[in-house]
Amino acid sequence: MAGAYGLDLNVLPEIWRRLKVPPSERDEIFESLLLMEGSALEFMHKKKAGQ
């Protein structure tokens, strides 16, 4: 009920498999996902608060 709270990271193994992401690239992609997630959540919470 509090709105968006984050990505479901449990799906990443399936995403890696379907997109054939090499294991050597996964750490960098994961870090980028977390950065984007944090920025998106911050934006959505500010927007919800009317800031």
Protein backbone atom coordinates (compact mmCIF):
# COMPACT_ATOMS: atom_id res chain seq x y z
CA MET A 1 0.00 0.00 0.00
CA ALA A 2 3.01 2.29 0.32
CA GLY A 3 3.62 2.34 -3.43
CA ALA A 4 6.72 1.24 -5.27
CA TYR A 5 9.42 -0.30 -3.10
CA GLY A 6 11.86 -1.91 -5.54
CA LEU A 7 12.52 -4.40 -8.27
CA ASP A 8 11.91 -8.13 -7.87
CA LEU A 9 15.51 -9.29 -8.17
CA ASN A 10 14.44 -12.94 -7.90
CA VAL A 11 13.79 -12.92 -11.64
CA LEU A 12 17.37 -12.06 -12.59
CA PRO A 13 18.55 -15.65 -13.15
CA GLU A 14 15.77 -16.14 -15.71
CA ILE A 15 16.54 -12.78 -17.34
CA TRP A 16 20.25 -13.64 -17.57
CA ARG A 17 19.37 -16.98 -19.17
CA ARG A 18 16.82 -15.64 -21.67
CA LEU A 19 18.99 -12.74 -22.77
CA LYS A 20 22.14 -14.88 -22.75
CA VAL A 21 24.00 -12.40 -20.56
CA PRO A 22 27.56 -13.64 -20.01
CA PRO A 23 28.45 -14.19 -16.34
CA SER A 24 31.38 -11.78 -16.73
CA GLU A 25 28.94 -8.90 -17.41
CA ARG A 26 26.36 -9.62 -14.71
CA ASP A 27 28.01 -7.78 -11.79
CA GLU A 28 28.26 -4.53 -13.75
CA ILE A 29 24.68 -4.85 -14.99
CA PHE A 30 23.46 -5.64 -11.47
CA GLU A 31 25.16 -2.53 -10.07
CA SER A 32 23.60 -0.43 -12.83
CA LEU A 33 20.16 -1.87 -12.10
CA LEU A 34 20.47 -1.00 -8.43
CA LEU A 35 21.54 2.54 -9.28
CA MET A 36 18.59 3.00 -11.65
CA GLU A 37 16.22 1.44 -9.13
CA GLY A 38 17.37 3.82 -6.41
CA SER A 39 17.01 6.85 -8.66
CA ALA A 40 13.56 5.79 -9.86
CA LEU A 41 12.31 5.14 -6.32
CA GLU A 42 13.63 8.49 -5.12
CA PHE A 43 11.88 10.24 -8.02
CA MET A 44 8.58 8.41 -7.46
CA HIS A 45 8.58 9.06 -3.71
CA LYS A 46 9.32 12.76 -4.22
CA LYS A 47 6.57 12.99 -6.83
CA LYS A 48 4.12 11.23 -4.50
CA ALA A 49 5.01 13.63 -1.69
CA GLY A 50 4.37 16.57 -4.01
CA GLN A 51 7.93 17.84 -3.97
